[in-house]
Amino acid sequence: MDHFRFNKTLLLIGALSCLLLSTAASARQLLAAPVPPELTQFCSGTDNPSLCVDTIAPFLSGSFDPVKALEGEINATLQKASEIAASISKQLEDPTTAKNALDALNICKSQYDDMLDSIKESLNLVAQMNVADAYNKMSAVISYKSSCDDAYTESPGVEMPFRQEATTLFELSGNCVTVLETIVNTQKV
């Protein structure tokens, strides 16, 4: 008798779980706004189109505006760079940080400070429709990131604790550079 009640309870729990999961999945599909085809087209030529769509789509409203989309991608880049810069500062302040990592962290701190300035300048330049200079500033972001990477490469036995975040930053900034380059190359001088 107890075995029968246990199986009946288990079956009921399983059925309810399936119902809840399918309801949650349906609700998620209803809540997720479709991606405008203009955004898909905008991101199609970038280094990481899915990241481009994922970072811009939540902030779109109204008709598609490529300048606003570009600003969204630059802002996503700025956010990621700010997170990494804060992590670097925290590690530098932490007395338990390995001494052999301090040189690389200090180089990265300097590079990320410069990077943040370049991203902010690029954002201002895009707002002024000065895409050529914005392109140069965003290209510098990739150089700053590479210099930080090199600092870790040249520090034997020291692992970069924010490697995955830096990879995402590289992809975001690469998307920005590609979009800016496309705009620069299609403008008639």
N, C-alpha and C. Protein backbone atom coordinates (compact mmCIF):
# COMPACT_ATOMS: atom_id res chain seq x y z
N MET A 1 0.82 -1.19 0.00
CA MET A 1 0.00 0.00 0.00
C MET A 1 0.87 1.26 0.00
N ASP A 2 1.90 1.31 0.85
CA ASP A 2 2.79 2.47 0.90
C ASP A 2 3.55 2.62 -0.42
N HIS A 3 3.92 1.48 -1.02
CA HIS A 3 4.63 1.51 -2.29
C HIS A 3 3.75 2.15 -3.37
N PHE A 4 2.46 1.81 -3.37
CA PHE A 4 1.53 2.36 -4.34
C PHE A 4 1.36 3.87 -4.13
N ARG A 5 1.25 4.30 -2.87
CA ARG A 5 1.09 5.72 -2.57
C ARG A 5 2.36 6.49 -2.97
N PHE A 6 3.53 5.89 -2.73
CA PHE A 6 4.80 6.53 -3.11
C PHE A 6 4.86 6.73 -4.62
N ASN A 7 4.51 5.67 -5.40
CA ASN A 7 4.54 5.77 -6.86
C ASN A 7 3.53 6.79 -7.36
N LYS A 8 2.37 6.83 -6.76
CA LYS A 8 1.34 7.78 -7.15
C LYS A 8 1.82 9.22 -6.87
N THR A 9 2.44 9.43 -5.72
CA THR A 9 2.97 10.75 -5.36
C THR A 9 4.09 11.15 -6.31
N LEU A 10 4.97 10.21 -6.59
CA LEU A 10 6.08 10.47 -7.50
C LEU A 10 5.57 10.83 -8.89
N LEU A 11 4.56 10.12 -9.36
CA LEU A 11 3.97 10.40 -10.66
C LEU A 11 3.35 11.81 -10.68
N LEU A 12 2.65 12.15 -9.61
CA LEU A 12 2.02 13.47 -9.52
C LEU A 12 3.09 14.57 -9.51
N ILE A 13 4.15 14.38 -8.75
CA ILE A 13 5.23 15.37 -8.69
C ILE A 13 5.89 15.50 -10.07
N GLY A 14 6.12 14.39 -10.73
CA GLY A 14 6.72 14.43 -12.07
C GLY A 14 5.84 15.16 -13.06
N ALA A 15 4.53 14.90 -13.01
CA ALA A 15 3.61 15.57 -13.94
C ALA A 15 3.56 17.07 -13.67
N LEU A 16 3.51 17.45 -12.40
CA LEU A 16 3.51 18.87 -12.05
C LEU A 16 4.80 19.56 -12.48
N SER A 17 5.92 18.88 -12.30
CA SER A 17 7.21 19.45 -12.70
C SER A 17 7.24 19.70 -14.21
N CYS A 18 6.78 18.73 -14.98
CA CYS A 18 6.75 18.90 -16.44
C CYS A 18 5.84 20.06 -16.84
N LEU A 19 4.69 20.16 -16.18
CA LEU A 19 3.77 21.25 -16.47
C LEU A 19 4.39 22.60 -16.16
N LEU A 20 5.05 22.71 -15.00
CA LEU A 20 5.69 23.96 -14.62
C LEU A 20 6.82 24.32 -15.57
N LEU A 21 7.63 23.35 -15.94
CA LEU A 21 8.74 23.62 -16.86
C LEU A 21 8.25 24.08 -18.22
N SER A 22 7.21 23.43 -18.74
CA SER A 22 6.71 23.84 -20.05
C SER A 22 6.05 25.20 -19.98
N THR A 23 5.39 25.52 -18.87
CA THR A 23 4.79 26.84 -18.69
C THR A 23 5.87 27.91 -18.61
N ALA A 24 6.94 27.62 -17.88
CA ALA A 24 8.05 28.59 -17.76
C ALA A 24 8.71 28.82 -19.11
N ALA A 25 8.90 27.76 -19.87
CA ALA A 25 9.52 27.90 -21.19
C ALA A 25 8.63 28.71 -22.12
N SER A 26 7.32 28.48 -22.08
CA SER A 26 6.39 29.25 -22.91
C SER A 26 6.39 30.71 -22.51
N ALA A 27 6.41 30.98 -21.21
CA ALA A 27 6.42 32.37 -20.74
C ALA A 27 7.69 33.07 -21.17
N ARG A 28 8.82 32.36 -21.13
CA ARG A 28 10.09 32.94 -21.54
C ARG A 28 10.06 33.30 -23.02
N GLN A 29 9.45 32.44 -23.84
CA GLN A 29 9.37 32.71 -25.27
C GLN A 29 8.47 33.91 -25.54
N LEU A 30 7.40 34.05 -24.76
CA LEU A 30 6.51 35.18 -24.93
C LEU A 30 7.16 36.49 -24.50
N LEU A 31 7.99 36.43 -23.44
CA LEU A 31 8.64 37.63 -22.93
C LEU A 31 9.80 38.08 -23.80
N ALA A 32 10.47 37.13 -24.46
CA ALA A 32 11.62 37.48 -25.29
C ALA A 32 11.12 38.14 -26.57
N ALA A 33 11.47 39.40 -26.74
CA ALA A 33 11.04 40.13 -27.93
C ALA A 33 11.80 39.60 -29.14
N PRO A 34 11.13 39.53 -30.27
CA PRO A 34 11.84 39.09 -31.47
C PRO A 34 12.92 40.10 -31.84
N VAL A 35 13.97 39.59 -32.42
CA VAL A 35 15.09 40.44 -32.82
C VAL A 35 14.73 41.10 -34.16
N PRO A 36 14.77 42.42 -34.20
CA PRO A 36 14.46 43.10 -35.47
C PRO A 36 15.45 42.69 -36.55
N PRO A 37 14.97 42.50 -37.76
CA PRO A 37 15.87 42.09 -38.85
C PRO A 37 16.98 43.12 -39.09
N GLU A 38 16.69 44.40 -38.82
CA GLU A 38 17.72 45.43 -38.99
C GLU A 38 18.89 45.21 -38.03
N LEU A 39 18.59 44.73 -36.82
CA LEU A 39 19.66 44.46 -35.85
C LEU A 39 20.48 43.25 -36.31
N THR A 40 19.79 42.23 -36.79
CA THR A 40 20.50 41.05 -37.30
C THR A 40 21.42 41.45 -38.44
N GLN A 41 20.93 42.29 -39.34
CA GLN A 41 21.74 42.77 -40.46
C GLN A 41 22.90 43.62 -39.96
N PHE A 42 22.63 44.51 -39.00
CA PHE A 42 23.64 45.39 -38.42
C PHE A 42 24.79 44.57 -37.84
N CYS A 43 24.46 43.48 -37.14
CA CYS A 43 25.46 42.67 -36.45
C CYS A 43 26.08 41.59 -37.33
N SER A 44 25.51 41.36 -38.51
CA SER A 44 25.95 40.22 -39.33
C SER A 44 27.41 40.28 -39.74
N GLY A 45 27.96 41.45 -39.95
CA GLY A 45 29.35 41.56 -40.38
C GLY A 45 30.36 41.65 -39.25
N THR A 46 29.89 41.60 -38.00
CA THR A 46 30.81 41.74 -36.87
C THR A 46 31.54 40.43 -36.60
N ASP A 47 32.54 40.50 -35.74
CA ASP A 47 33.32 39.32 -35.39
C ASP A 47 32.50 38.30 -34.60
N ASN A 48 31.55 38.78 -33.82
CA ASN A 48 30.71 37.91 -33.00
C ASN A 48 29.27 38.42 -33.09
N PRO A 49 28.55 38.03 -34.16
CA PRO A 49 27.19 38.54 -34.36
C PRO A 49 26.22 38.22 -33.22
N SER A 50 26.31 37.04 -32.66
CA SER A 50 25.37 36.70 -31.59
C SER A 50 25.60 37.55 -30.35
N LEU A 51 26.85 37.82 -30.00
CA LEU A 51 27.15 38.71 -28.87
C LEU A 51 26.64 40.11 -29.18
N CYS A 52 26.82 40.56 -30.40
CA CYS A 52 26.35 41.88 -30.82
C CYS A 52 24.84 41.97 -30.62
N VAL A 53 24.10 41.01 -31.12
CA VAL A 53 22.63 41.01 -30.98
C VAL A 53 22.25 40.94 -29.51
N ASP A 54 22.90 40.05 -28.76
CA ASP A 54 22.55 39.87 -27.35
C ASP A 54 22.79 41.11 -26.51
N THR A 55 23.82 41.89 -26.84
CA THR A 55 24.13 43.08 -26.02
C THR A 55 23.31 44.29 -26.43
N ILE A 56 22.86 44.34 -27.67
CA ILE A 56 22.11 45.51 -28.14
C ILE A 56 20.60 45.32 -27.99
N ALA A 57 20.09 44.14 -28.30
CA ALA A 57 18.64 43.90 -28.34
C ALA A 57 17.88 44.35 -27.09
N PRO A 58 18.38 44.10 -25.88
CA PRO A 58 17.60 44.50 -24.70
C PRO A 58 17.37 46.01 -24.59
N PHE A 59 18.16 46.80 -25.28
CA PHE A 59 18.07 48.25 -25.14
C PHE A 59 17.38 48.94 -26.32
N LEU A 60 16.92 48.14 -27.28
CA LEU A 60 16.24 48.73 -28.43
C LEU A 60 14.81 49.09 -28.07
N SER A 61 14.39 50.23 -28.57
CA SER A 61 12.98 50.61 -28.46
C SER A 61 12.65 51.48 -29.65
N GLY A 62 11.46 51.30 -30.16
CA GLY A 62 11.07 52.06 -31.34
C GLY A 62 11.74 51.54 -32.59
N SER A 63 11.83 52.41 -33.58
CA SER A 63 12.45 52.00 -34.84
C SER A 63 13.96 51.85 -34.66
N PHE A 64 14.53 50.99 -35.48
CA PHE A 64 15.96 50.70 -35.38
C PHE A 64 16.78 51.91 -35.79
N ASP A 65 17.74 52.27 -34.95
CA ASP A 65 18.66 53.38 -35.21
C ASP A 65 20.08 52.84 -35.11
N PRO A 66 20.81 52.75 -36.24
CA PRO A 66 22.15 52.18 -36.20
C PRO A 66 23.12 52.92 -35.27
N VAL A 67 22.96 54.22 -35.15
CA VAL A 67 23.85 54.98 -34.25
C VAL A 67 23.58 54.58 -32.80
N LYS A 68 22.30 54.46 -32.45
CA LYS A 68 21.94 54.03 -31.08
C LYS A 68 22.42 52.59 -30.84
N ALA A 69 22.32 51.75 -31.87
CA ALA A 69 22.80 50.37 -31.74
C ALA A 69 24.31 50.36 -31.50
N LEU A 70 25.04 51.15 -32.25
CA LEU A 70 26.49 51.25 -32.08
C LEU A 70 26.82 51.77 -30.68
N GLU A 71 26.10 52.80 -30.25
CA GLU A 71 26.32 53.33 -28.90
C GLU A 71 26.05 52.25 -27.85
N GLY A 72 25.04 51.41 -28.10
CA GLY A 72 24.75 50.30 -27.19
C GLY A 72 25.90 49.32 -27.09
N GLU A 73 26.50 49.01 -28.22
CA GLU A 73 27.64 48.08 -28.22
C GLU A 73 28.86 48.71 -27.55
N ILE A 74 29.07 50.00 -27.78
CA ILE A 74 30.18 50.69 -27.12
C ILE A 74 29.94 50.74 -25.61
N ASN A 75 28.70 51.00 -25.22
CA ASN A 75 28.38 51.01 -23.77
C ASN A 75 28.59 49.63 -23.14
N ALA A 76 28.25 48.57 -23.86
CA ALA A 76 28.50 47.21 -23.35
C ALA A 76 30.00 46.98 -23.19
N THR A 77 30.78 47.50 -24.12
CA THR A 77 32.24 47.40 -24.04
C THR A 77 32.76 48.18 -22.84
N LEU A 78 32.22 49.37 -22.65
CA LEU A 78 32.61 50.20 -21.50
C LEU A 78 32.28 49.50 -20.18
N GLN A 79 31.11 48.89 -20.11
CA GLN A 79 30.70 48.18 -18.90
C GLN A 79 31.65 47.03 -18.59
N LYS A 80 31.98 46.24 -19.60
CA LYS A 80 32.87 45.09 -19.39
C LYS A 80 34.27 45.57 -18.99
N ALA A 81 34.77 46.61 -19.65
CA ALA A 81 36.10 47.15 -19.31
C ALA A 81 36.10 47.70 -17.88
N SER A 82 35.01 48.34 -17.48
CA SER A 82 34.91 48.88 -16.12
C SER A 82 34.92 47.76 -15.08
N GLU A 83 34.23 46.67 -15.38
CA GLU A 83 34.21 45.52 -14.47
C GLU A 83 35.62 44.94 -14.30
N ILE A 84 36.33 44.80 -15.41
CA ILE A 84 37.68 44.25 -15.35
C ILE A 84 38.61 45.21 -14.60
N ALA A 85 38.49 46.50 -14.88
CA ALA A 85 39.33 47.50 -14.20
C ALA A 85 39.09 47.46 -12.69
N ALA A 86 37.85 47.31 -12.28
CA ALA A 86 37.53 47.22 -10.85
C ALA A 86 38.13 45.95 -10.25
N SER A 87 38.09 44.86 -11.00
CA SER A 87 38.69 43.60 -10.53
C SER A 87 40.21 43.75 -10.36
N ILE A 88 40.84 44.42 -11.31
CA ILE A 88 42.29 44.64 -11.23
C ILE A 88 42.62 45.48 -10.00
N SER A 89 41.88 46.55 -9.78
CA SER A 89 42.12 47.42 -8.62
C SER A 89 41.94 46.64 -7.31
N LYS A 90 40.93 45.82 -7.27
CA LYS A 90 40.66 45.01 -6.07
C LYS A 90 41.82 44.06 -5.79
N GLN A 91 42.33 43.44 -6.86
CA GLN A 91 43.45 42.51 -6.69
C GLN A 91 44.71 43.24 -6.25
N LEU A 92 44.92 44.44 -6.76
CA LEU A 92 46.09 45.21 -6.35
C LEU A 92 46.01 45.63 -4.88
N GLU A 93 44.82 45.86 -4.40
CA GLU A 93 44.63 46.25 -3.00
C GLU A 93 44.63 45.06 -2.04
N ASP A 94 44.46 43.87 -2.58
CA ASP A 94 44.38 42.66 -1.75
C ASP A 94 45.78 42.24 -1.31
N PRO A 95 46.05 42.22 0.02
CA PRO A 95 47.39 41.85 0.49
C PRO A 95 47.76 40.39 0.21
N THR A 96 46.77 39.56 -0.14
CA THR A 96 47.06 38.15 -0.43
C THR A 96 47.41 37.91 -1.90
N THR A 97 47.35 38.96 -2.72
CA THR A 97 47.72 38.80 -4.13
C THR A 97 49.20 38.44 -4.22
N ALA A 98 49.48 37.43 -5.02
CA ALA A 98 50.86 36.95 -5.18
C ALA A 98 51.76 38.09 -5.66
N LYS A 99 52.91 38.18 -5.05
CA LYS A 99 53.87 39.25 -5.38
C LYS A 99 54.29 39.21 -6.85
N ASN A 100 54.42 37.98 -7.40
CA ASN A 100 54.86 37.86 -8.79
C ASN A 100 53.76 38.27 -9.79
N ALA A 101 52.54 38.53 -9.30
CA ALA A 101 51.45 38.98 -10.17
C ALA A 101 51.32 40.51 -10.18
N LEU A 102 51.99 41.18 -9.25
CA LEU A 102 51.81 42.62 -9.10
C LEU A 102 52.26 43.43 -10.31
N ASP A 103 53.39 43.04 -10.93
CA ASP A 103 53.86 43.78 -12.11
C ASP A 103 52.84 43.72 -13.24
N ALA A 104 52.33 42.52 -13.50
CA ALA A 104 51.33 42.35 -14.57
C ALA A 104 50.06 43.13 -14.23
N LEU A 105 49.63 43.07 -12.99
CA LEU A 105 48.43 43.80 -12.58
C LEU A 105 48.61 45.30 -12.71
N ASN A 106 49.78 45.81 -12.35
CA ASN A 106 50.03 47.25 -12.49
C ASN A 106 50.03 47.70 -13.95
N ILE A 107 50.62 46.88 -14.81
CA ILE A 107 50.60 47.19 -16.24
C ILE A 107 49.15 47.19 -16.74
N CYS A 108 48.39 46.18 -16.32
CA CYS A 108 47.00 46.08 -16.75
C CYS A 108 46.17 47.24 -16.22
N LYS A 109 46.44 47.67 -15.00
CA LYS A 109 45.70 48.80 -14.45
C LYS A 109 45.91 50.03 -15.32
N SER A 110 47.15 50.29 -15.69
CA SER A 110 47.46 51.43 -16.55
C SER A 110 46.77 51.29 -17.91
N GLN A 111 46.84 50.09 -18.49
CA GLN A 111 46.24 49.85 -19.80
C GLN A 111 44.72 50.00 -19.74
N TYR A 112 44.10 49.49 -18.69
CA TYR A 112 42.65 49.59 -18.57
C TYR A 112 42.20 51.02 -18.27
N ASP A 113 42.99 51.78 -17.56
CA ASP A 113 42.66 53.19 -17.36
C ASP A 113 42.64 53.91 -18.70
N ASP A 114 43.67 53.67 -19.51
CA ASP A 114 43.72 54.27 -20.85
C ASP A 114 42.57 53.76 -21.72
N MET A 115 42.27 52.48 -21.59
CA MET A 115 41.19 51.87 -22.36
C MET A 115 39.85 52.53 -22.04
N LEU A 116 39.57 52.72 -20.76
CA LEU A 116 38.31 53.35 -20.36
C LEU A 116 38.20 54.75 -20.95
N ASP A 117 39.30 55.49 -20.93
CA ASP A 117 39.29 56.83 -21.53
C ASP A 117 38.99 56.75 -23.03
N SER A 118 39.61 55.81 -23.73
CA SER A 118 39.39 55.67 -25.17
C SER A 118 37.96 55.28 -25.50
N ILE A 119 37.39 54.40 -24.70
CA ILE A 119 36.00 53.98 -24.95
C ILE A 119 35.05 55.16 -24.73
N LYS A 120 35.28 55.91 -23.66
CA LYS A 120 34.43 57.08 -23.40
C LYS A 120 34.58 58.11 -24.52
N GLU A 121 35.79 58.34 -24.97
CA GLU A 121 36.02 59.28 -26.07
C GLU A 121 35.33 58.79 -27.34
N SER A 122 35.42 57.49 -27.59
CA SER A 122 34.78 56.92 -28.77
C SER A 122 33.27 57.13 -28.72
N LEU A 123 32.70 56.93 -27.57
CA LEU A 123 31.26 57.14 -27.39
C LEU A 123 30.88 58.59 -27.68
N ASN A 124 31.66 59.52 -27.17
CA ASN A 124 31.41 60.95 -27.44
C ASN A 124 31.57 61.27 -28.93
N LEU A 125 32.57 60.67 -29.55
CA LEU A 125 32.81 60.93 -30.97
C LEU A 125 31.67 60.38 -31.84
N VAL A 126 31.14 59.23 -31.49
CA VAL A 126 30.01 58.67 -32.24
C VAL A 126 28.80 59.59 -32.11
N ALA A 127 28.57 60.11 -30.91
CA ALA A 127 27.45 61.05 -30.69
C ALA A 127 27.61 62.29 -31.57
N GLN A 128 28.87 62.66 -31.87
CA GLN A 128 29.16 63.83 -32.73
C GLN A 128 29.23 63.43 -34.20
N MET A 129 28.98 62.13 -34.48
CA MET A 129 29.04 61.58 -35.84
C MET A 129 30.46 61.62 -36.42
N ASN A 130 31.46 61.59 -35.57
CA ASN A 130 32.86 61.57 -35.98
C ASN A 130 33.34 60.12 -35.88
N VAL A 131 32.89 59.30 -36.85
CA VAL A 131 33.17 57.87 -36.78
C VAL A 131 34.63 57.53 -37.08
N ALA A 132 35.31 58.34 -37.86
CA ALA A 132 36.71 58.04 -38.17
C ALA A 132 37.56 58.09 -36.91
N ASP A 133 37.40 59.14 -36.11
CA ASP A 133 38.17 59.22 -34.87
C ASP A 133 37.68 58.21 -33.84
N ALA A 134 36.37 57.93 -33.84
CA ALA A 134 35.83 56.91 -32.94
C ALA A 134 36.44 55.55 -33.28
N TYR A 135 36.60 55.28 -34.57
CA TYR A 135 37.24 54.04 -35.03
C TYR A 135 38.67 53.94 -34.47
N ASN A 136 39.42 55.03 -34.55
CA ASN A 136 40.79 55.02 -34.04
C ASN A 136 40.82 54.76 -32.53
N LYS A 137 39.92 55.39 -31.81
CA LYS A 137 39.87 55.22 -30.35
C LYS A 137 39.49 53.78 -29.99
N MET A 138 38.52 53.20 -30.70
CA MET A 138 38.12 51.82 -30.39
C MET A 138 39.21 50.83 -30.81
N SER A 139 39.94 51.14 -31.86
CA SER A 139 41.06 50.27 -32.26
C SER A 139 42.12 50.25 -31.16
N ALA A 140 42.31 51.38 -30.52
CA ALA A 140 43.29 51.47 -29.43
C ALA A 140 42.90 50.56 -28.27
N VAL A 141 41.61 50.37 -28.06
CA VAL A 141 41.13 49.50 -26.98
C VAL A 141 41.71 48.09 -27.14
N ILE A 142 41.73 47.61 -28.36
CA ILE A 142 42.26 46.27 -28.62
C ILE A 142 43.76 46.24 -28.33
N SER A 143 44.47 47.31 -28.66
CA SER A 143 45.91 47.38 -28.36
C SER A 143 46.16 47.39 -26.85
N TYR A 144 45.35 48.15 -26.11
CA TYR A 144 45.51 48.19 -24.65
C TYR A 144 45.27 46.80 -24.05
N LYS A 145 44.24 46.12 -24.54
CA LYS A 145 43.95 44.77 -24.04
C LYS A 145 45.12 43.84 -24.34
N SER A 146 45.67 43.94 -25.53
CA SER A 146 46.81 43.09 -25.92
C SER A 146 48.03 43.36 -25.04
N SER A 147 48.26 44.62 -24.69
CA SER A 147 49.39 44.95 -23.81
C SER A 147 49.22 44.32 -22.43
N CYS A 148 47.99 44.32 -21.95
CA CYS A 148 47.72 43.67 -20.67
C CYS A 148 47.96 42.16 -20.79
N ASP A 149 47.47 41.57 -21.87
CA ASP A 149 47.69 40.13 -22.09
C ASP A 149 49.19 39.82 -22.11
N ASP A 150 49.96 40.66 -22.80
CA ASP A 150 51.41 40.47 -22.90
C ASP A 150 52.07 40.53 -21.52
N ALA A 151 51.56 41.38 -20.65
CA ALA A 151 52.14 41.48 -19.30
C ALA A 151 52.03 40.15 -18.57
N TYR A 152 50.94 39.44 -18.78
CA TYR A 152 50.79 38.13 -18.15
C TYR A 152 51.62 37.07 -18.86
N THR A 153 51.70 37.17 -20.18
CA THR A 153 52.52 36.21 -20.95
C THR A 153 53.98 36.30 -20.52
N GLU A 154 54.42 37.51 -20.22
CA GLU A 154 55.81 37.73 -19.83
C GLU A 154 56.05 37.56 -18.33
N SER A 155 55.06 37.07 -17.61
CA SER A 155 55.20 36.81 -16.17
C SER A 155 55.04 35.31 -15.93
N PRO A 156 56.15 34.57 -15.98
CA PRO A 156 56.07 33.12 -15.84
C PRO A 156 55.38 32.71 -14.52
N GLY A 157 54.48 31.75 -14.65
CA GLY A 157 53.81 31.21 -13.47
C GLY A 157 52.63 32.04 -12.98
N VAL A 158 52.32 33.12 -13.69
CA VAL A 158 51.21 33.99 -13.28
C VAL A 158 50.08 33.83 -14.30
N GLU A 159 48.92 33.44 -13.80
CA GLU A 159 47.75 33.28 -14.64
C GLU A 159 46.88 34.54 -14.58
N MET A 160 46.33 34.92 -15.71
CA MET A 160 45.43 36.07 -15.76
C MET A 160 44.09 35.65 -15.15
N PRO A 161 43.70 36.26 -14.03
CA PRO A 161 42.47 35.84 -13.35
C PRO A 161 41.19 36.29 -14.04
N PHE A 162 41.29 37.15 -15.02
CA PHE A 162 40.10 37.66 -15.70
C PHE A 162 40.16 37.38 -17.20
N ARG A 163 40.76 36.23 -17.55
CA ARG A 163 40.96 35.89 -18.96
C ARG A 163 39.64 35.81 -19.74
N GLN A 164 38.64 35.14 -19.18
CA GLN A 164 37.36 35.00 -19.88
C GLN A 164 36.69 36.35 -20.10
N GLU A 165 36.72 37.20 -19.07
CA GLU A 165 36.13 38.53 -19.20
C GLU A 165 36.88 39.35 -20.25
N ALA A 166 38.21 39.20 -20.28
CA ALA A 166 39.02 39.92 -21.27
C ALA A 166 38.70 39.44 -22.69
N THR A 167 38.41 38.16 -22.83
CA THR A 167 38.03 37.62 -24.14
C THR A 167 36.71 38.24 -24.59
N THR A 168 35.75 38.33 -23.68
CA THR A 168 34.47 38.96 -24.01
C THR A 168 34.68 40.42 -24.38
N LEU A 169 35.54 41.10 -23.64
CA LEU A 169 35.85 42.50 -23.94
C LEU A 169 36.45 42.62 -25.34
N PHE A 170 37.35 41.72 -25.69
CA PHE A 170 37.97 41.72 -27.01
C PHE A 170 36.91 41.55 -28.09
N GLU A 171 35.95 40.65 -27.85
CA GLU A 171 34.88 40.41 -28.83
C GLU A 171 33.97 41.63 -28.96
N LEU A 172 33.62 42.24 -27.84
CA LEU A 172 32.78 43.44 -27.87
C LEU A 172 33.48 44.58 -28.61
N SER A 173 34.73 44.84 -28.25
CA SER A 173 35.45 45.94 -28.91
C SER A 173 35.70 45.63 -30.38
N GLY A 174 35.93 44.37 -30.71
CA GLY A 174 36.08 43.97 -32.11
C GLY A 174 34.80 44.23 -32.90
N ASN A 175 33.65 43.96 -32.28
CA ASN A 175 32.37 44.26 -32.93
C ASN A 175 32.25 45.76 -33.21
N CYS A 176 32.62 46.57 -32.23
CA CYS A 176 32.56 48.03 -32.41
C CYS A 176 33.47 48.49 -33.53
N VAL A 177 34.68 47.99 -33.55
CA VAL A 177 35.65 48.37 -34.58
C VAL A 177 35.13 47.98 -35.96
N THR A 178 34.56 46.80 -36.08
CA THR A 178 34.05 46.34 -37.37
C THR A 178 32.91 47.23 -37.86
N VAL A 179 31.98 47.57 -36.97
CA VAL A 179 30.87 48.44 -37.36
C VAL A 179 31.40 49.82 -37.75
N LEU A 180 32.31 50.36 -36.94
CA LEU A 180 32.88 51.68 -37.26
C LEU A 180 33.64 51.65 -38.59
N GLU A 181 34.39 50.58 -38.81
CA GLU A 181 35.14 50.45 -40.06
C GLU A 181 34.19 50.40 -41.26
N THR A 182 33.08 49.69 -41.11
CA THR A 182 32.09 49.61 -42.18
C THR A 182 31.52 51.00 -42.48
N ILE A 183 31.22 51.75 -41.44
CA ILE A 183 30.69 53.10 -41.63
C ILE A 183 31.74 53.98 -42.32
N VAL A 184 32.97 53.93 -41.84
CA VAL A 184 34.04 54.74 -42.44
C VAL A 184 34.23 54.39 -43.90
N ASN A 185 34.22 53.10 -44.23
CA ASN A 185 34.48 52.66 -45.59
C ASN A 185 33.33 52.92 -46.55
N THR A 186 32.11 53.12 -46.00
CA THR A 186 30.97 53.36 -46.89
C THR A 186 30.63 54.84 -47.02
N GLN A 187 31.29 55.69 -46.23
CA GLN A 187 31.07 57.12 -46.35
C GLN A 187 31.78 57.65 -47.58
N LYS A 188 31.10 58.52 -48.27
CA LYS A 188 31.72 59.15 -49.44
C LYS A 188 32.42 60.41 -48.99
N VAL A 189 33.68 60.51 -49.37
CA VAL A 189 34.48 61.66 -48.96
C VAL A 189 34.42 62.75 -50.00
